PDB file of all heavy atoms in Angstrom:
ATOM      1  N   SER A   1       7.652 -11.978  -3.089  1.00  0.00           N
ATOM      2  CA  SER A   1       7.890 -10.558  -3.204  1.00  0.00           C
ATOM      3  C   SER A   1       7.163  -9.901  -4.385  1.00  0.00           C
ATOM      4  O   SER A   1       6.618  -8.804  -4.287  1.00  0.00           O
ATOM      5  CB  SER A   1       9.392 -10.287  -3.336  1.00  0.00           C
ATOM      6  OG  SER A   1      10.083 -10.632  -2.170  1.00  0.00           O
ATOM      7  N   PRO A   2       7.096 -10.560  -5.580  1.00  0.00           N
ATOM      8  CA  PRO A   2       6.355  -9.917  -6.688  1.00  0.00           C
ATOM      9  C   PRO A   2       4.869  -9.688  -6.361  1.00  0.00           C
ATOM     10  O   PRO A   2       4.313  -8.655  -6.757  1.00  0.00           O
ATOM     11  CB  PRO A   2       6.534 -10.913  -7.823  1.00  0.00           C
ATOM     12  CG  PRO A   2       7.785 -11.678  -7.500  1.00  0.00           C
ATOM     13  CD  PRO A   2       7.773 -11.811  -6.037  1.00  0.00           C
ATOM     14  N   GLU A   3       4.323 -10.666  -5.631  1.00  0.00           N
ATOM     15  CA  GLU A   3       2.918 -10.510  -5.272  1.00  0.00           C
ATOM     16  C   GLU A   3       2.721  -9.348  -4.289  1.00  0.00           C
ATOM     17  O   GLU A   3       1.679  -8.625  -4.386  1.00  0.00           O
ATOM     18  CB  GLU A   3       2.387 -11.808  -4.645  1.00  0.00           C
ATOM     19  CG  GLU A   3       2.112 -12.899  -5.659  1.00  0.00           C
ATOM     20  CD  GLU A   3       3.316 -13.651  -6.119  1.00  0.00           C
ATOM     21  OE1 GLU A   3       4.440 -13.425  -5.552  1.00  0.00           O
ATOM     22  OE2 GLU A   3       3.268 -14.473  -7.066  1.00  0.00           O
ATOM     23  N   ARG A   4       3.674  -9.128  -3.419  1.00  0.00           N
ATOM     24  CA  ARG A   4       3.558  -8.035  -2.444  1.00  0.00           C
ATOM     25  C   ARG A   4       3.603  -6.711  -3.147  1.00  0.00           C
ATOM     26  O   ARG A   4       2.868  -5.768  -2.771  1.00  0.00           O
ATOM     27  CB  ARG A   4       4.761  -8.095  -1.442  1.00  0.00           C
ATOM     28  CG  ARG A   4       4.738  -9.341  -0.566  1.00  0.00           C
ATOM     29  CD  ARG A   4       5.958  -9.383   0.340  1.00  0.00           C
ATOM     30  NE  ARG A   4       5.974  -8.287   1.302  1.00  0.00           N
ATOM     31  CZ  ARG A   4       5.347  -8.254   2.489  1.00  0.00           C
ATOM     32  NH1 ARG A   4       4.661  -9.337   2.871  1.00  0.00           N
ATOM     33  NH2 ARG A   4       5.395  -7.219   3.280  1.00  0.00           N
ATOM     34  N   VAL A   5       4.360  -6.630  -4.224  1.00  0.00           N
ATOM     35  CA  VAL A   5       4.377  -5.402  -5.047  1.00  0.00           C
ATOM     36  C   VAL A   5       3.019  -5.163  -5.709  1.00  0.00           C
ATOM     37  O   VAL A   5       2.501  -4.034  -5.762  1.00  0.00           O
ATOM     38  CB  VAL A   5       5.495  -5.437  -6.100  1.00  0.00           C
ATOM     39  CG1 VAL A   5       5.399  -4.230  -7.012  1.00  0.00           C
ATOM     40  CG2 VAL A   5       6.857  -5.490  -5.391  1.00  0.00           C
ATOM     41  N   ARG A   6       2.411  -6.254  -6.194  1.00  0.00           N
ATOM     42  CA  ARG A   6       1.100  -6.110  -6.840  1.00  0.00           C
ATOM     43  C   ARG A   6       0.006  -5.651  -5.891  1.00  0.00           C
ATOM     44  O   ARG A   6      -0.955  -5.030  -6.306  1.00  0.00           O
ATOM     45  CB  ARG A   6       0.686  -7.448  -7.476  1.00  0.00           C
ATOM     46  CG  ARG A   6       1.594  -7.905  -8.618  1.00  0.00           C
ATOM     47  CD  ARG A   6       1.604  -6.973  -9.810  1.00  0.00           C
ATOM     48  NE  ARG A   6       2.452  -7.458 -10.862  1.00  0.00           N
ATOM     49  CZ  ARG A   6       2.031  -8.206 -11.923  1.00  0.00           C
ATOM     50  NH1 ARG A   6       0.768  -8.550 -12.042  1.00  0.00           N
ATOM     51  NH2 ARG A   6       2.927  -8.574 -12.817  1.00  0.00           N
ATOM     52  N   VAL A   7       0.164  -5.972  -4.603  1.00  0.00           N
ATOM     53  CA  VAL A   7      -0.812  -5.524  -3.623  1.00  0.00           C
ATOM     54  C   VAL A   7      -0.857  -3.996  -3.678  1.00  0.00           C
ATOM     55  O   VAL A   7      -1.967  -3.394  -3.734  1.00  0.00           O
ATOM     56  CB  VAL A   7      -0.454  -5.969  -2.204  1.00  0.00           C
ATOM     57  CG1 VAL A   7      -1.339  -5.343  -1.162  1.00  0.00           C
ATOM     58  CG2 VAL A   7      -0.583  -7.495  -2.096  1.00  0.00           C
ATOM     59  N   GLU A   8       0.287  -3.335  -3.711  1.00  0.00           N
ATOM     60  CA  GLU A   8       0.372  -1.894  -3.710  1.00  0.00           C
ATOM     61  C   GLU A   8      -0.332  -1.373  -4.981  1.00  0.00           C
ATOM     62  O   GLU A   8      -1.032  -0.369  -4.967  1.00  0.00           O
ATOM     63  CB  GLU A   8       1.813  -1.507  -3.682  1.00  0.00           C
ATOM     64  CG  GLU A   8       2.022  -0.029  -3.332  1.00  0.00           C
ATOM     65  CD  GLU A   8       2.308   0.217  -1.847  1.00  0.00           C
ATOM     66  OE1 GLU A   8       2.972  -0.607  -1.239  1.00  0.00           O
ATOM     67  OE2 GLU A   8       1.739   1.189  -1.317  1.00  0.00           O
ATOM     68  N   ARG A   9      -0.066  -2.033  -6.106  1.00  0.00           N
ATOM     69  CA  ARG A   9      -0.614  -1.541  -7.385  1.00  0.00           C
ATOM     70  C   ARG A   9      -2.212  -1.632  -7.356  1.00  0.00           C
ATOM     71  O   ARG A   9      -2.822  -0.677  -7.779  1.00  0.00           O
ATOM     72  CB  ARG A   9      -0.077  -2.420  -8.490  1.00  0.00           C
ATOM     73  CG  ARG A   9      -0.533  -2.000  -9.875  1.00  0.00           C
ATOM     74  CD  ARG A   9      -0.190  -3.015 -10.963  1.00  0.00           C
ATOM     75  NE  ARG A   9       1.276  -3.186 -11.065  1.00  0.00           N
ATOM     76  CZ  ARG A   9       1.842  -4.001 -11.982  1.00  0.00           C
ATOM     77  NH1 ARG A   9       1.048  -4.703 -12.797  1.00  0.00           N
ATOM     78  NH2 ARG A   9       3.115  -4.135 -11.999  1.00  0.00           N
ATOM     79  N   VAL A  10      -2.698  -2.745  -6.858  1.00  0.00           N
ATOM     80  CA  VAL A  10      -4.133  -2.881  -6.793  1.00  0.00           C
ATOM     81  C   VAL A  10      -4.742  -1.848  -5.861  1.00  0.00           C
ATOM     82  O   VAL A  10      -5.795  -1.197  -6.224  1.00  0.00           O
ATOM     83  CB  VAL A  10      -4.514  -4.312  -6.272  1.00  0.00           C
ATOM     84  CG1 VAL A  10      -6.002  -4.361  -5.957  1.00  0.00           C
ATOM     85  CG2 VAL A  10      -4.169  -5.351  -7.334  1.00  0.00           C
ATOM     86  N   ILE A  11      -4.125  -1.624  -4.723  1.00  0.00           N
ATOM     87  CA  ILE A  11      -4.688  -0.666  -3.735  1.00  0.00           C
ATOM     88  C   ILE A  11      -4.677   0.758  -4.282  1.00  0.00           C
ATOM     89  O   ILE A  11      -5.643   1.546  -4.086  1.00  0.00           O
ATOM     90  CB  ILE A  11      -3.962  -0.764  -2.437  1.00  0.00           C
ATOM     91  CG1 ILE A  11      -4.308  -2.140  -1.784  1.00  0.00           C
ATOM     92  CG2 ILE A  11      -4.326   0.342  -1.469  1.00  0.00           C
ATOM     93  CD1 ILE A  11      -3.505  -2.471  -0.554  1.00  0.00           C
ATOM     94  N   LYS A  12      -3.642   1.104  -5.056  1.00  0.00           N
ATOM     95  CA  LYS A  12      -3.586   2.447  -5.639  1.00  0.00           C
ATOM     96  C   LYS A  12      -4.764   2.682  -6.592  1.00  0.00           C
ATOM     97  O   LYS A  12      -5.354   3.745  -6.690  1.00  0.00           O
ATOM     98  CB  LYS A  12      -2.275   2.641  -6.375  1.00  0.00           C
ATOM     99  CG  LYS A  12      -1.127   2.899  -5.438  1.00  0.00           C
ATOM    100  CD  LYS A  12       0.219   3.150  -6.179  1.00  0.00           C
ATOM    101  CE  LYS A  12       1.330   3.442  -5.260  1.00  0.00           C
ATOM    102  NZ  LYS A  12       2.627   3.634  -5.983  1.00  0.00           N
ATOM    103  N   ARG A  13      -5.124   1.621  -7.372  1.00  0.00           N
ATOM    104  CA  ARG A  13      -6.262   1.772  -8.269  1.00  0.00           C
ATOM    105  C   ARG A  13      -7.559   1.969  -7.483  1.00  0.00           C
ATOM    106  O   ARG A  13      -8.401   2.811  -7.863  1.00  0.00           O
ATOM    107  CB  ARG A  13      -6.348   0.500  -9.183  1.00  0.00           C
ATOM    108  CG  ARG A  13      -5.300   0.485 -10.256  1.00  0.00           C
ATOM    109  CD  ARG A  13      -5.745  -0.504 -11.375  1.00  0.00           C
ATOM    110  NE  ARG A  13      -5.732  -1.877 -10.926  1.00  0.00           N
ATOM    111  CZ  ARG A  13      -4.719  -2.721 -11.029  1.00  0.00           C
ATOM    112  NH1 ARG A  13      -3.606  -2.318 -11.557  1.00  0.00           N
ATOM    113  NH2 ARG A  13      -4.845  -3.961 -10.635  1.00  0.00           N
ATOM    114  N   ILE A  14      -7.753   1.169  -6.430  1.00  0.00           N
ATOM    115  CA  ILE A  14      -8.969   1.301  -5.690  1.00  0.00           C
ATOM    116  C   ILE A  14      -9.020   2.589  -4.911  1.00  0.00           C
ATOM    117  O   ILE A  14     -10.057   3.266  -4.822  1.00  0.00           O
ATOM    118  CB  ILE A  14      -9.079   0.074  -4.716  1.00  0.00           C
ATOM    119  CG1 ILE A  14      -9.215  -1.204  -5.553  1.00  0.00           C
ATOM    120  CG2 ILE A  14     -10.286   0.231  -3.827  1.00  0.00           C
ATOM    121  CD1 ILE A  14      -9.278  -2.479  -4.713  1.00  0.00           C
ATOM    122  N   GLN A  15      -7.871   2.985  -4.353  1.00  0.00           N
ATOM    123  CA  GLN A  15      -7.774   4.215  -3.619  1.00  0.00           C
ATOM    124  C   GLN A  15      -8.252   5.422  -4.472  1.00  0.00           C
ATOM    125  O   GLN A  15      -8.945   6.323  -4.001  1.00  0.00           O
ATOM    126  CB  GLN A  15      -6.345   4.459  -3.171  1.00  0.00           C
ATOM    127  CG  GLN A  15      -6.021   5.866  -2.661  1.00  0.00           C
ATOM    128  CD  GLN A  15      -6.507   6.124  -1.247  1.00  0.00           C
ATOM    129  OE1 GLN A  15      -5.833   5.735  -0.277  1.00  0.00           O
ATOM    130  NE2 GLN A  15      -7.652   6.778  -1.105  1.00  0.00           N
ATOM    131  N   SER A  16      -7.886   5.449  -5.755  1.00  0.00           N
ATOM    132  CA  SER A  16      -8.246   6.562  -6.621  1.00  0.00           C
ATOM    133  C   SER A  16      -9.739   6.697  -6.802  1.00  0.00           C
ATOM    134  O   SER A  16     -10.224   7.781  -7.039  1.00  0.00           O
ATOM    135  CB  SER A  16      -7.568   6.360  -8.005  1.00  0.00           C
ATOM    136  OG  SER A  16      -8.086   5.225  -8.675  1.00  0.00           O
ATOM    137  N   GLU A  17     -10.480   5.597  -6.649  1.00  0.00           N
ATOM    138  CA  GLU A  17     -11.908   5.614  -6.794  1.00  0.00           C
ATOM    139  C   GLU A  17     -12.607   6.077  -5.525  1.00  0.00           C
ATOM    140  O   GLU A  17     -13.777   6.492  -5.535  1.00  0.00           O
ATOM    141  CB  GLU A  17     -12.447   4.247  -7.182  1.00  0.00           C
ATOM    142  CG  GLU A  17     -11.847   3.744  -8.509  1.00  0.00           C
ATOM    143  CD  GLU A  17     -12.259   2.326  -8.809  1.00  0.00           C
ATOM    144  OE1 GLU A  17     -13.238   1.878  -8.155  1.00  0.00           O
ATOM    145  OE2 GLU A  17     -11.649   1.704  -9.661  1.00  0.00           O
ATOM    146  N   TYR A  18     -11.895   6.053  -4.398  1.00  0.00           N
ATOM    147  CA  TYR A  18     -12.490   6.485  -3.093  1.00  0.00           C
ATOM    148  C   TYR A  18     -11.691   7.683  -2.542  1.00  0.00           C
ATOM    149  O   TYR A  18     -11.709   7.926  -1.346  1.00  0.00           O
ATOM    150  CB  TYR A  18     -12.410   5.333  -2.094  1.00  0.00           C
ATOM    151  CG  TYR A  18     -13.331   4.185  -2.405  1.00  0.00           C
ATOM    152  CD1 TYR A  18     -12.986   3.134  -3.264  1.00  0.00           C
ATOM    153  CD2 TYR A  18     -14.634   4.141  -1.847  1.00  0.00           C
ATOM    154  CE1 TYR A  18     -13.775   2.084  -3.517  1.00  0.00           C
ATOM    155  CE2 TYR A  18     -15.478   3.063  -2.142  1.00  0.00           C
ATOM    156  CZ  TYR A  18     -15.063   2.045  -2.962  1.00  0.00           C
ATOM    157  OH  TYR A  18     -15.930   1.020  -3.248  1.00  0.00           O
ATOM    158  N   SER A  19     -11.093   8.411  -3.432  1.00  0.00           N
ATOM    159  CA  SER A  19     -10.208   9.465  -2.970  1.00  0.00           C
ATOM    160  C   SER A  19     -10.862  10.571  -2.159  1.00  0.00           C
ATOM    161  O   SER A  19     -10.207  11.197  -1.309  1.00  0.00           O
ATOM    162  CB  SER A  19      -9.518  10.141  -4.228  1.00  0.00           C
ATOM    163  OG  SER A  19     -10.518  10.652  -5.081  1.00  0.00           O
ATOM    164  N   SER A  20     -12.148  10.766  -2.330  1.00  0.00           N
ATOM    165  CA  SER A  20     -12.832  11.794  -1.569  1.00  0.00           C
ATOM    166  C   SER A  20     -13.132  11.469  -0.159  1.00  0.00           C
ATOM    167  O   SER A  20     -13.402  12.338   0.671  1.00  0.00           O
ATOM    168  CB  SER A  20     -14.102  12.178  -2.296  1.00  0.00           C
ATOM    169  OG  SER A  20     -15.001  11.067  -2.362  1.00  0.00           O
ATOM    170  N   GLY A  21     -13.108  10.146   0.208  1.00  0.00           N
ATOM    171  CA  GLY A  21     -13.564   9.830   1.558  1.00  0.00           C
ATOM    172  C   GLY A  21     -12.739   8.734   2.249  1.00  0.00           C
ATOM    173  O   GLY A  21     -12.973   8.477   3.380  1.00  0.00           O
ATOM    174  N   VAL A  22     -11.785   8.131   1.568  1.00  0.00           N
ATOM    175  CA  VAL A  22     -11.088   7.008   2.095  1.00  0.00           C
ATOM    176  C   VAL A  22      -9.587   7.185   1.876  1.00  0.00           C
ATOM    177  O   VAL A  22      -9.135   7.455   0.739  1.00  0.00           O
ATOM    178  CB  VAL A  22     -11.546   5.667   1.481  1.00  0.00           C
ATOM    179  CG1 VAL A  22     -10.755   4.484   2.099  1.00  0.00           C
ATOM    180  CG2 VAL A  22     -13.022   5.448   1.725  1.00  0.00           C
ATOM    181  N   GLU A  23      -8.794   6.991   2.929  1.00  0.00           N
ATOM    182  CA  GLU A  23      -7.365   6.961   2.842  1.00  0.00           C
ATOM    183  C   GLU A  23      -6.843   5.575   3.216  1.00  0.00           C
ATOM    184  O   GLU A  23      -7.214   5.064   4.266  1.00  0.00           O
ATOM    185  CB  GLU A  23      -6.741   7.998   3.749  1.00  0.00           C
ATOM    186  CG  GLU A  23      -5.213   7.974   3.731  1.00  0.00           C
ATOM    187  CD  GLU A  23      -4.577   8.868   4.811  1.00  0.00           C
ATOM    188  OE1 GLU A  23      -5.384   9.623   5.468  1.00  0.00           O
ATOM    189  OE2 GLU A  23      -3.338   8.882   4.950  1.00  0.00           O
ATOM    190  N   VAL A  24      -6.057   4.958   2.313  1.00  0.00           N
ATOM    191  CA  VAL A  24      -5.648   3.603   2.532  1.00  0.00           C
ATOM    192  C   VAL A  24      -4.136   3.612   2.858  1.00  0.00           C
ATOM    193  O   VAL A  24      -3.316   4.200   2.137  1.00  0.00           O
ATOM    194  CB  VAL A  24      -5.851   2.725   1.281  1.00  0.00           C
ATOM    195  CG1 VAL A  24      -5.391   1.271   1.546  1.00  0.00           C
ATOM    196  CG2 VAL A  24      -7.345   2.742   0.890  1.00  0.00           C
ATOM    197  N   GLU A  25      -3.771   2.955   3.943  1.00  0.00           N
ATOM    198  CA  GLU A  25      -2.365   2.844   4.333  1.00  0.00           C
ATOM    199  C   GLU A  25      -2.009   1.355   4.181  1.00  0.00           C
ATOM    200  O   GLU A  25      -2.643   0.447   4.772  1.00  0.00           O
ATOM    201  CB  GLU A  25      -2.173   3.250   5.789  1.00  0.00           C
ATOM    202  CG  GLU A  25      -0.726   3.037   6.250  1.00  0.00           C
ATOM    203  CD  GLU A  25      -0.543   3.296   7.770  1.00  0.00           C
ATOM    204  OE1 GLU A  25      -1.577   3.619   8.433  1.00  0.00           O
ATOM    205  OE2 GLU A  25       0.556   3.135   8.232  1.00  0.00           O
ATOM    206  N   VAL A  26      -0.969   1.099   3.433  1.00  0.00           N
ATOM    207  CA  VAL A  26      -0.476  -0.271   3.261  1.00  0.00           C
ATOM    208  C   VAL A  26       0.766  -0.478   4.149  1.00  0.00           C
ATOM    209  O   VAL A  26       1.728   0.296   4.082  1.00  0.00           O
ATOM    210  CB  VAL A  26      -0.083  -0.566   1.746  1.00  0.00           C
ATOM    211  CG1 VAL A  26       0.362  -1.990   1.564  1.00  0.00           C
ATOM    212  CG2 VAL A  26      -1.292  -0.274   0.854  1.00  0.00           C
ATOM    213  N   ILE A  27       0.710  -1.551   4.936  1.00  0.00           N
ATOM    214  CA  ILE A  27       1.819  -1.861   5.847  1.00  0.00           C
ATOM    215  C   ILE A  27       2.599  -3.051   5.330  1.00  0.00           C
ATOM    216  O   ILE A  27       2.071  -4.169   5.286  1.00  0.00           O
ATOM    217  CB  ILE A  27       1.281  -2.144   7.247  1.00  0.00           C
ATOM    218  CG1 ILE A  27       0.423  -1.004   7.787  1.00  0.00           C
ATOM    219  CG2 ILE A  27       2.404  -2.416   8.224  1.00  0.00           C
ATOM    220  CD1 ILE A  27      -0.388  -1.294   8.994  1.00  0.00           C
ATOM    221  N   ARG A  28       3.809  -2.789   4.808  1.00  0.00           N
ATOM    222  CA  ARG A  28       4.697  -3.881   4.283  1.00  0.00           C
ATOM    223  C   ARG A  28       6.012  -3.762   5.007  1.00  0.00           C
ATOM    224  O   ARG A  28       6.622  -2.707   5.032  1.00  0.00           O
ATOM    225  CB  ARG A  28       4.879  -3.696   2.784  1.00  0.00           C
ATOM    226  CG  ARG A  28       3.631  -3.971   1.935  1.00  0.00           C
ATOM    227  CD  ARG A  28       3.783  -3.526   0.506  1.00  0.00           C
ATOM    228  NE  ARG A  28       5.055  -4.006  -0.112  1.00  0.00           N
ATOM    229  CZ  ARG A  28       5.535  -3.562  -1.273  1.00  0.00           C
ATOM    230  NH1 ARG A  28       4.882  -2.638  -1.912  1.00  0.00           N
ATOM    231  NH2 ARG A  28       6.676  -4.039  -1.725  1.00  0.00           N
ATOM    232  N   TRP A  29       6.474  -4.894   5.561  1.00  0.00           N
ATOM    233  CA  TRP A  29       7.666  -4.869   6.396  1.00  0.00           C
ATOM    234  C   TRP A  29       8.861  -4.354   5.666  1.00  0.00           C
ATOM    235  O   TRP A  29       9.763  -3.742   6.245  1.00  0.00           O
ATOM    236  CB  TRP A  29       7.910  -6.254   7.009  1.00  0.00           C
ATOM    237  CG  TRP A  29       8.038  -7.414   6.018  1.00  0.00           C
ATOM    238  CD1 TRP A  29       7.071  -8.264   5.716  1.00  0.00           C
ATOM    239  CD2 TRP A  29       9.221  -7.796   5.275  1.00  0.00           C
ATOM    240  NE1 TRP A  29       7.506  -9.186   4.776  1.00  0.00           N
ATOM    241  CE2 TRP A  29       8.821  -8.897   4.522  1.00  0.00           C
ATOM    242  CE3 TRP A  29      10.466  -7.323   5.139  1.00  0.00           C
ATOM    243  CZ2 TRP A  29       9.686  -9.545   3.639  1.00  0.00           C
ATOM    244  CZ3 TRP A  29      11.367  -7.943   4.242  1.00  0.00           C
ATOM    245  CH2 TRP A  29      10.979  -9.024   3.538  1.00  0.00           C
ATOM    246  N   GLU A  30       8.971  -4.600   4.347  1.00  0.00           N
ATOM    247  CA  GLU A  30      10.205  -4.247   3.631  1.00  0.00           C
ATOM    248  C   GLU A  30      10.340  -2.752   3.381  1.00  0.00           C
ATOM    249  O   GLU A  30      11.353  -2.257   2.949  1.00  0.00           O
ATOM    250  CB  GLU A  30      10.286  -5.042   2.291  1.00  0.00           C
ATOM    251  CG  GLU A  30       9.268  -4.627   1.238  1.00  0.00           C
ATOM    252  CD  GLU A  30       7.997  -5.483   1.312  1.00  0.00           C
ATOM    253  OE1 GLU A  30       7.576  -5.780   2.438  1.00  0.00           O
ATOM    254  OE2 GLU A  30       7.439  -5.792   0.286  1.00  0.00           O
ATOM    255  N   GLU A  31       9.206  -2.032   3.631  1.00  0.00           N
ATOM    256  CA  GLU A  31       9.260  -0.578   3.434  1.00  0.00           C
ATOM    257  C   GLU A  31       9.456   0.221   4.713  1.00  0.00           C
ATOM    258  O   GLU A  31       9.493   1.423   4.693  1.00  0.00           O
ATOM    259  CB  GLU A  31       7.945  -0.120   2.758  1.00  0.00           C
ATOM    260  CG  GLU A  31       7.797  -0.697   1.330  1.00  0.00           C
ATOM    261  CD  GLU A  31       6.611  -0.132   0.636  1.00  0.00           C
ATOM    262  OE1 GLU A  31       5.751   0.525   1.316  1.00  0.00           O
ATOM    263  OE2 GLU A  31       6.489  -0.254  -0.618  1.00  0.00           O
ATOM    264  N   GLU A  32       9.600  -0.467   5.866  1.00  0.00           N
ATOM    265  CA  GLU A  32       9.834   0.191   7.112  1.00  0.00           C
ATOM    266  C   GLU A  32      11.347   0.313   7.416  1.00  0.00           C
ATOM    267  O   GLU A  32      12.136  -0.405   6.782  1.00  0.00           O
ATOM    268  CB  GLU A  32       9.173  -0.628   8.236  1.00  0.00           C
ATOM    269  CG  GLU A  32       7.662  -0.847   8.051  1.00  0.00           C
ATOM    270  CD  GLU A  32       6.858   0.443   8.090  1.00  0.00           C
ATOM    271  OE1 GLU A  32       7.280   1.343   8.880  1.00  0.00           O
ATOM    272  OE2 GLU A  32       5.843   0.560   7.400  1.00  0.00           O
ATOM    273  N   TYR A  33      11.716   1.197   8.332  1.00  0.00           N
ATOM    274  CA  TYR A  33      13.088   1.227   8.797  1.00  0.00           C
ATOM    275  C   TYR A  33      13.111   0.542  10.198  1.00  0.00           C
ATOM    276  O   TYR A  33      12.118   0.543  10.920  1.00  0.00           O
ATOM    277  CB  TYR A  33      13.619   2.641   8.876  1.00  0.00           C
ATOM    278  CG  TYR A  33      13.089   3.456  10.006  1.00  0.00           C
ATOM    279  CD1 TYR A  33      13.736   3.484  11.258  1.00  0.00           C
ATOM    280  CD2 TYR A  33      11.919   4.239   9.876  1.00  0.00           C
ATOM    281  CE1 TYR A  33      13.193   4.245  12.322  1.00  0.00           C
ATOM    282  CE2 TYR A  33      11.425   4.969  10.901  1.00  0.00           C
ATOM    283  CZ  TYR A  33      12.093   4.988  12.135  1.00  0.00           C
ATOM    284  OH  TYR A  33      11.583   5.702  13.176  1.00  0.00           O
ATOM    285  N   TYR A  34      14.271  -0.020  10.558  1.00  0.00           N
ATOM    286  CA  TYR A  34      14.343  -0.786  11.807  1.00  0.00           C
ATOM    287  C   TYR A  34      15.565  -0.339  12.596  1.00  0.00           C
ATOM    288  O   TYR A  34      16.702  -0.222  12.084  1.00  0.00           O
ATOM    289  CB  TYR A  34      14.440  -2.278  11.494  1.00  0.00           C
ATOM    290  CG  TYR A  34      13.213  -2.795  10.748  1.00  0.00           C
ATOM    291  CD1 TYR A  34      13.217  -2.865   9.379  1.00  0.00           C
ATOM    292  CD2 TYR A  34      12.069  -3.114  11.446  1.00  0.00           C
ATOM    293  CE1 TYR A  34      12.100  -3.283   8.654  1.00  0.00           C
ATOM    294  CE2 TYR A  34      10.938  -3.530  10.726  1.00  0.00           C
ATOM    295  CZ  TYR A  34      10.952  -3.619   9.351  1.00  0.00           C
ATOM    296  OH  TYR A  34       9.841  -4.052   8.698  1.00  0.00           O
ATOM    297  N   SER A  35      15.354  -0.153  13.897  1.00  0.00           N
ATOM    298  CA  SER A  35      16.419   0.221  14.807  1.00  0.00           C
ATOM    299  C   SER A  35      17.101  -1.050  15.353  1.00  0.00           C
ATOM    300  O   SER A  35      16.471  -2.081  15.495  1.00  0.00           O
ATOM    301  CB  SER A  35      15.868   1.051  15.951  1.00  0.00           C
ATOM    302  OG  SER A  35      16.800   1.225  16.967  1.00  0.00           O
ATOM    303  N   ALA A  36      18.395  -0.908  15.710  1.00  0.00           N
ATOM    304  CA  ALA A  36      19.130  -2.007  16.270  1.00  0.00           C
ATOM    305  C   ALA A  36      18.831  -2.234  17.766  1.00  0.00           C
ATOM    306  O   ALA A  36      19.403  -3.115  18.412  1.00  0.00           O
ATOM    307  CB  ALA A  36      20.624  -1.771  16.062  1.00  0.00           C
TER     308      ALA A  36
END
């Protein structure tokens, strides 16, 4: 889990450098909602 959090941190830094032309979406299962 700690490594999964760091993924988001790294991507935010890189995203800021490509803000004018690239949008990055991170898909992590723990951030989704789930229906029964």
